[in-house]
Each structure stands twice: as C-alpha cells, then as structure tokens.
C-alpha cells in the first residue's frame, strides 16, 4: 500500500493561466462597473457588503454634491484669515486623501484647520507677593495653609 504521488508546487513555479475564467464575474471586463448615481443604485450595489463609515460618507458626499458643497462653504465661512491662508496653501499644493479627493474638500480637515487657527483664551495666572506665578486651577500653599481654588 503506497501513497498517491503528489506533485509538489513551489511558489513562483506555477504554470500561468492564459484565460480569464478564474476572475470574479467570469470574464475580464466584469470588474469594471459604472458608479451609482442614485441612492437606490448605491444601496443595490452595496447590498450585503461590509462598508466602512468613511466609504459611506464619501459616497454620500458624491451623491449629494449640492448638500456637501453647502456644508463645505458653511465650514469655510467660519475660518479666520490664518485658516484661509492654510486652506489656500493646501489647495495650491494639491494634496489629496487616500481616495484621490482634494484634502480641502474634507469637512474633517476644515474642522482641524479651524481648531488649529483659532486661539483659545489662556488660563489666568496668579502672581503671589514674592513674584512667583501660579496656575489658579491648582492648590496653592500659603502661609495659612493650602488654598484650593474653586
């Protein structure tokens, strides 16, 4: 009782296949599709598929160009002059995200620029008699004991 003779395959030595029958869809052109133009087409195209939240946001932004444009314009209207300078620099450089969309169209990027360019009020500083500066949010040791602000 001998074993069956098994052909040993080494990576890189497989015989190449000439036909495209092993591709998804059965033929070479089946992978090329048109983008969905309506919500119903998008839903039908992605039914049962696992899609990340970022992908859904980008597809909805493509479908709702007017709404996305209004959101972008509203976000840009809240920027100060320094924020506009940052946005125009990024537009001039032509930075894009991983999907090839301009980075300056991303609402998250505009929100990041907004937070980076708006100045926040610095906490008040308490100066003691000896000239030492203390942050008022922390307990301070005085000659009468600990003083906890609040």
C-alpha atoms as a PDB file:
ATOM      1  CA  UNK A   1       0.000   0.000   0.000  1.00  0.00           C
ATOM      2  CA  UNK A   2       1.815   3.007  -1.283  1.00  0.00           C
ATOM      3  CA  UNK A   3       0.829   6.649  -1.062  1.00  0.00           C
ATOM      4  CA  UNK A   4      -0.526   8.564  -4.014  1.00  0.00           C
ATOM      5  CA  UNK A   5       2.059  10.515  -5.936  1.00  0.00           C
ATOM      6  CA  UNK A   6       1.521  14.225  -5.151  1.00  0.00           C
ATOM      7  CA  UNK A   7       3.065  16.948  -7.259  1.00  0.00           C
ATOM      8  CA  UNK A   8       4.995  19.388  -5.070  1.00  0.00           C
ATOM      9  CA  UNK A   9       4.448  23.017  -6.031  1.00  0.00           C
ATOM     10  CA  UNK A  10       6.958  25.700  -5.206  1.00  0.00           C
ATOM     11  CA  UNK A  11       5.924  29.364  -5.087  1.00  0.00           C
ATOM     12  CA  UNK A  12       6.792  31.110  -8.319  1.00  0.00           C
ATOM     13  CA  UNK A  13       6.833  27.926 -10.397  1.00  0.00           C
ATOM     14  CA  UNK A  14       3.106  27.573 -11.021  1.00  0.00           C
ATOM     15  CA  UNK A  15       2.024  27.346 -14.629  1.00  0.00           C
ATOM     16  CA  UNK A  16       0.477  30.663 -15.752  1.00  0.00           C
ATOM     17  CA  UNK A  17      -3.140  30.545 -16.904  1.00  0.00           C
ATOM     18  CA  UNK A  18      -3.944  32.168 -20.221  1.00  0.00           C
ATOM     19  CA  UNK A  19      -7.688  32.548 -19.776  1.00  0.00           C
ATOM     20  CA  UNK A  20      -9.523  34.991 -17.523  1.00  0.00           C
ATOM     21  CA  UNK A  21     -12.149  32.499 -16.378  1.00  0.00           C
ATOM     22  CA  UNK A  22     -10.850  32.499 -12.806  1.00  0.00           C
ATOM     23  CA  UNK A  23     -11.520  36.215 -12.355  1.00  0.00           C
ATOM     24  CA  UNK A  24     -14.506  37.395 -10.367  1.00  0.00           C
ATOM     25  CA  UNK A  25     -17.510  37.629 -12.656  1.00  0.00           C
ATOM     26  CA  UNK A  26     -16.243  35.074 -15.153  1.00  0.00           C
ATOM     27  CA  UNK A  27     -14.763  37.429 -17.737  1.00  0.00           C
ATOM     28  CA  UNK A  28     -12.073  40.092 -17.814  1.00  0.00           C
ATOM     29  CA  UNK A  29     -14.411  43.083 -18.218  1.00  0.00           C
ATOM     30  CA  UNK A  30     -16.816  42.142 -15.448  1.00  0.00           C
ATOM     31  CA  UNK A  31     -14.888  44.043 -12.772  1.00  0.00           C
ATOM     32  CA  UNK A  32     -15.443  47.400 -14.475  1.00  0.00           C
ATOM     33  CA  UNK A  33     -18.735  48.991 -13.464  1.00  0.00           C
ATOM     34  CA  UNK A  34     -20.347  52.399 -13.588  1.00  0.00           C
ATOM     35  CA  UNK A  35     -20.646  54.369 -10.331  1.00  0.00           C
ATOM     36  CA  UNK A  36     -24.043  54.512  -8.662  1.00  0.00           C
ATOM     37  CA  UNK A  37     -25.904  57.715  -9.463  1.00  0.00           C
ATOM     38  CA  UNK A  38     -28.838  57.455  -7.057  1.00  0.00           C
ATOM     39  CA  UNK A  39     -29.302  56.254  -3.505  1.00  0.00           C
ATOM     40  CA  UNK A  40     -31.253  53.216  -4.749  1.00  0.00           C
ATOM     41  CA  UNK A  41     -28.444  52.211  -7.123  1.00  0.00           C
ATOM     42  CA  UNK A  42     -25.898  52.685  -4.346  1.00  0.00           C
ATOM     43  CA  UNK A  43     -27.979  50.561  -1.974  1.00  0.00           C
ATOM     44  CA  UNK A  44     -28.456  47.846  -4.613  1.00  0.00           C
ATOM     45  CA  UNK A  45     -24.749  47.833  -5.458  1.00  0.00           C
ATOM     46  CA  UNK A  46     -23.637  47.505  -1.841  1.00  0.00           C
ATOM     47  CA  UNK A  47     -26.391  45.235  -0.503  1.00  0.00           C
ATOM     48  CA  UNK A  48     -24.856  42.686   1.834  1.00  0.00           C
ATOM     49  CA  UNK A  49     -21.394  44.228   1.632  1.00  0.00           C
ATOM     50  CA  UNK A  50     -19.428  45.439   4.612  1.00  0.00           C
ATOM     51  CA  UNK A  51     -18.571  49.075   4.016  1.00  0.00           C
ATOM     52  CA  UNK A  52     -16.606  51.321   6.342  1.00  0.00           C
ATOM     53  CA  UNK A  53     -18.159  54.518   7.671  1.00  0.00           C
ATOM     54  CA  UNK A  54     -15.593  56.625   5.805  1.00  0.00           C
ATOM     55  CA  UNK A  55     -16.538  55.000   2.482  1.00  0.00           C
ATOM     56  CA  UNK A  56     -20.223  55.648   3.128  1.00  0.00           C
ATOM     57  CA  UNK A  57     -19.520  59.303   3.931  1.00  0.00           C
ATOM     58  CA  UNK A  58     -17.585  59.729   0.702  1.00  0.00           C
ATOM     59  CA  UNK A  59     -20.258  58.013  -1.404  1.00  0.00           C
ATOM     60  CA  UNK A  60     -22.990  60.118   0.150  1.00  0.00           C
ATOM     61  CA  UNK A  61     -20.888  63.219  -0.490  1.00  0.00           C
ATOM     62  CA  UNK A  62     -20.641  62.219  -4.155  1.00  0.00           C
ATOM     63  CA  UNK A  63     -24.401  61.659  -4.364  1.00  0.00           C
ATOM     64  CA  UNK A  64     -25.305  64.852  -2.567  1.00  0.00           C
ATOM     65  CA  UNK A  65     -22.918  67.268  -4.242  1.00  0.00           C
ATOM     66  CA  UNK A  66     -25.052  70.336  -3.515  1.00  0.00           C
ATOM     67  CA  UNK A  67     -25.523  69.469   0.158  1.00  0.00           C
ATOM     68  CA  UNK A  68     -21.826  68.649   0.581  1.00  0.00           C
ATOM     69  CA  UNK A  69     -20.875  71.883  -1.141  1.00  0.00           C
ATOM     70  CA  UNK A  70     -23.152  73.847   1.203  1.00  0.00           C
ATOM     71  CA  UNK A  71     -21.620  72.105   4.242  1.00  0.00           C
ATOM     72  CA  UNK A  72     -18.109  72.866   2.982  1.00  0.00           C
ATOM     73  CA  UNK A  73     -18.968  76.501   2.327  1.00  0.00           C
ATOM     74  CA  UNK A  74     -20.536  76.822   5.788  1.00  0.00           C
ATOM     75  CA  UNK A  75     -17.391  75.358   7.368  1.00  0.00           C
ATOM     76  CA  UNK A  76     -15.160  77.657   5.315  1.00  0.00           C
ATOM     77  CA  UNK A  77     -17.200  80.715   6.328  1.00  0.00           C
ATOM     78  CA  UNK A  78     -16.228  80.082   9.974  1.00  0.00           C
ATOM     79  CA  UNK A  79     -12.495  80.294   9.225  1.00  0.00           C
ATOM     80  CA  UNK A  80     -10.366  83.296  10.092  1.00  0.00           C
ATOM     81  CA  UNK A  81      -7.711  84.824   7.808  1.00  0.00           C
ATOM     82  CA  UNK A  82      -4.989  82.487   9.051  1.00  0.00           C
ATOM     83  CA  UNK A  83      -7.222  79.479   8.362  1.00  0.00           C
ATOM     84  CA  UNK A  84      -7.918  80.695   4.827  1.00  0.00           C
ATOM     85  CA  UNK A  85      -4.174  81.022   4.255  1.00  0.00           C
ATOM     86  CA  UNK A  86      -3.665  77.398   5.325  1.00  0.00           C
ATOM     87  CA  UNK A  87      -6.527  76.170   3.104  1.00  0.00           C
ATOM     88  CA  UNK A  88      -5.248  78.084   0.060  1.00  0.00           C
ATOM     89  CA  UNK A  89      -1.728  76.681   0.575  1.00  0.00           C
ATOM     90  CA  UNK A  90      -3.107  73.127   0.687  1.00  0.00           C
ATOM     91  CA  UNK A  91      -5.183  73.791  -2.446  1.00  0.00           C
ATOM     92  CA  UNK A  92      -2.101  75.191  -4.212  1.00  0.00           C
ATOM     93  CA  UNK A  93      -0.060  72.106  -3.292  1.00  0.00           C
ATOM     94  CA  UNK A  94      -2.890  69.817  -4.460  1.00  0.00           C
ATOM     95  CA  UNK A  95      -2.856  67.407  -1.519  1.00  0.00           C
ATOM     96  CA  UNK A  96      -5.340  64.526  -1.821  1.00  0.00           C
ATOM     97  CA  UNK A  97      -6.641  61.846   0.523  1.00  0.00           C
ATOM     98  CA  UNK A  98      -6.246  58.091   0.009  1.00  0.00           C
ATOM     99  CA  UNK A  99      -9.199  58.080  -2.411  1.00  0.00           C
ATOM    100  CA  UNK A 100      -7.838  60.865  -4.617  1.00  0.00           C
ATOM    101  CA  UNK A 101     -10.238  63.557  -3.379  1.00  0.00           C
ATOM    102  CA  UNK A 102      -8.839  67.039  -2.647  1.00  0.00           C
ATOM    103  CA  UNK A 103      -7.981  67.313   1.030  1.00  0.00           C
ATOM    104  CA  UNK A 104      -9.558  70.756   1.245  1.00  0.00           C
ATOM    105  CA  UNK A 105     -12.984  69.267   0.430  1.00  0.00           C
ATOM    106  CA  UNK A 106     -12.917  67.162   3.599  1.00  0.00           C
ATOM    107  CA  UNK A 107     -15.056  68.595   6.385  1.00  0.00           C
ATOM    108  CA  UNK A 108     -12.819  66.898   8.959  1.00  0.00           C
ATOM    109  CA  UNK A 109      -9.754  68.648   7.522  1.00  0.00           C
ATOM    110  CA  UNK A 110     -11.527  72.022   7.557  1.00  0.00           C
ATOM    111  CA  UNK A 111     -12.554  71.429  11.188  1.00  0.00           C
ATOM    112  CA  UNK A 112      -8.935  70.571  12.033  1.00  0.00           C
ATOM    113  CA  UNK A 113      -7.700  73.784  10.389  1.00  0.00           C
ATOM    114  CA  UNK A 114     -10.377  75.737  12.278  1.00  0.00           C
ATOM    115  CA  UNK A 115      -9.279  74.380  15.652  1.00  0.00           C
ATOM    116  CA  UNK A 116      -5.602  74.876  14.801  1.00  0.00           C
ATOM    117  CA  UNK A 117      -6.001  78.515  13.781  1.00  0.00           C
ATOM    118  CA  UNK A 118      -8.393  79.772  16.446  1.00  0.00           C
ATOM    119  CA  UNK A 119      -6.697  80.984  19.585  1.00  0.00           C
ATOM    120  CA  UNK A 120      -8.030  79.815  22.903  1.00  0.00           C
ATOM    121  CA  UNK A 121      -8.049  82.018  25.978  1.00  0.00           C
ATOM    122  CA  UNK A 122      -5.054  81.289  28.156  1.00  0.00           C
ATOM    123  CA  UNK A 123      -5.805  80.489  31.785  1.00  0.00           C
ATOM    124  CA  UNK A 124      -5.365  83.385  34.179  1.00  0.00           C
ATOM    125  CA  UNK A 125      -2.141  83.330  36.147  1.00  0.00           C
ATOM    126  CA  UNK A 126      -1.980  84.236  39.815  1.00  0.00           C
ATOM    127  CA  UNK A 127       1.099  86.180  40.867  1.00  0.00           C
ATOM    128  CA  UNK A 128       1.958  85.880  44.541  1.00  0.00           C
ATOM    129  CA  UNK A 129       3.691  88.513  46.692  1.00  0.00           C
ATOM    130  CA  UNK A 130       7.119  87.025  46.070  1.00  0.00           C
ATOM    131  CA  UNK A 131       6.621  87.228  42.289  1.00  0.00           C
ATOM    132  CA  UNK A 132       6.047  83.520  41.696  1.00  0.00           C
ATOM    133  CA  UNK A 133       3.406  82.760  39.093  1.00  0.00           C
ATOM    134  CA  UNK A 134       0.936  80.002  39.858  1.00  0.00           C
ATOM    135  CA  UNK A 135      -1.787  78.407  37.792  1.00  0.00           C
ATOM    136  CA  UNK A 136      -5.093  79.192  39.539  1.00  0.00           C
ATOM    137  CA  UNK A 137      -6.533  75.730  38.927  1.00  0.00           C
ATOM    138  CA  UNK A 138      -4.047  74.017  41.210  1.00  0.00           C
ATOM    139  CA  UNK A 139      -3.887  74.091  45.016  1.00  0.00           C
ATOM    140  CA  UNK A 140      -1.518  76.743  46.367  1.00  0.00           C
ATOM    141  CA  UNK A 141       0.376  76.530  49.663  1.00  0.00           C
ATOM    142  CA  UNK A 142       0.072  79.824  51.539  1.00  0.00           C
ATOM    143  CA  UNK A 143       1.317  80.896  54.970  1.00  0.00           C
ATOM    144  CA  UNK A 144      -2.107  79.975  56.363  1.00  0.00           C
ATOM    145  CA  UNK A 145      -2.246  76.523  54.721  1.00  0.00           C
ATOM    146  CA  UNK A 146      -3.372  75.101  51.413  1.00  0.00           C
ATOM    147  CA  UNK A 147      -5.706  77.224  49.312  1.00  0.00           C
ATOM    148  CA  UNK A 148      -7.767  75.225  46.821  1.00  0.00           C
ATOM    149  CA  UNK A 149      -9.399  77.496  44.238  1.00  0.00           C
ATOM    150  CA  UNK A 150     -12.985  76.932  43.294  1.00  0.00           C
END
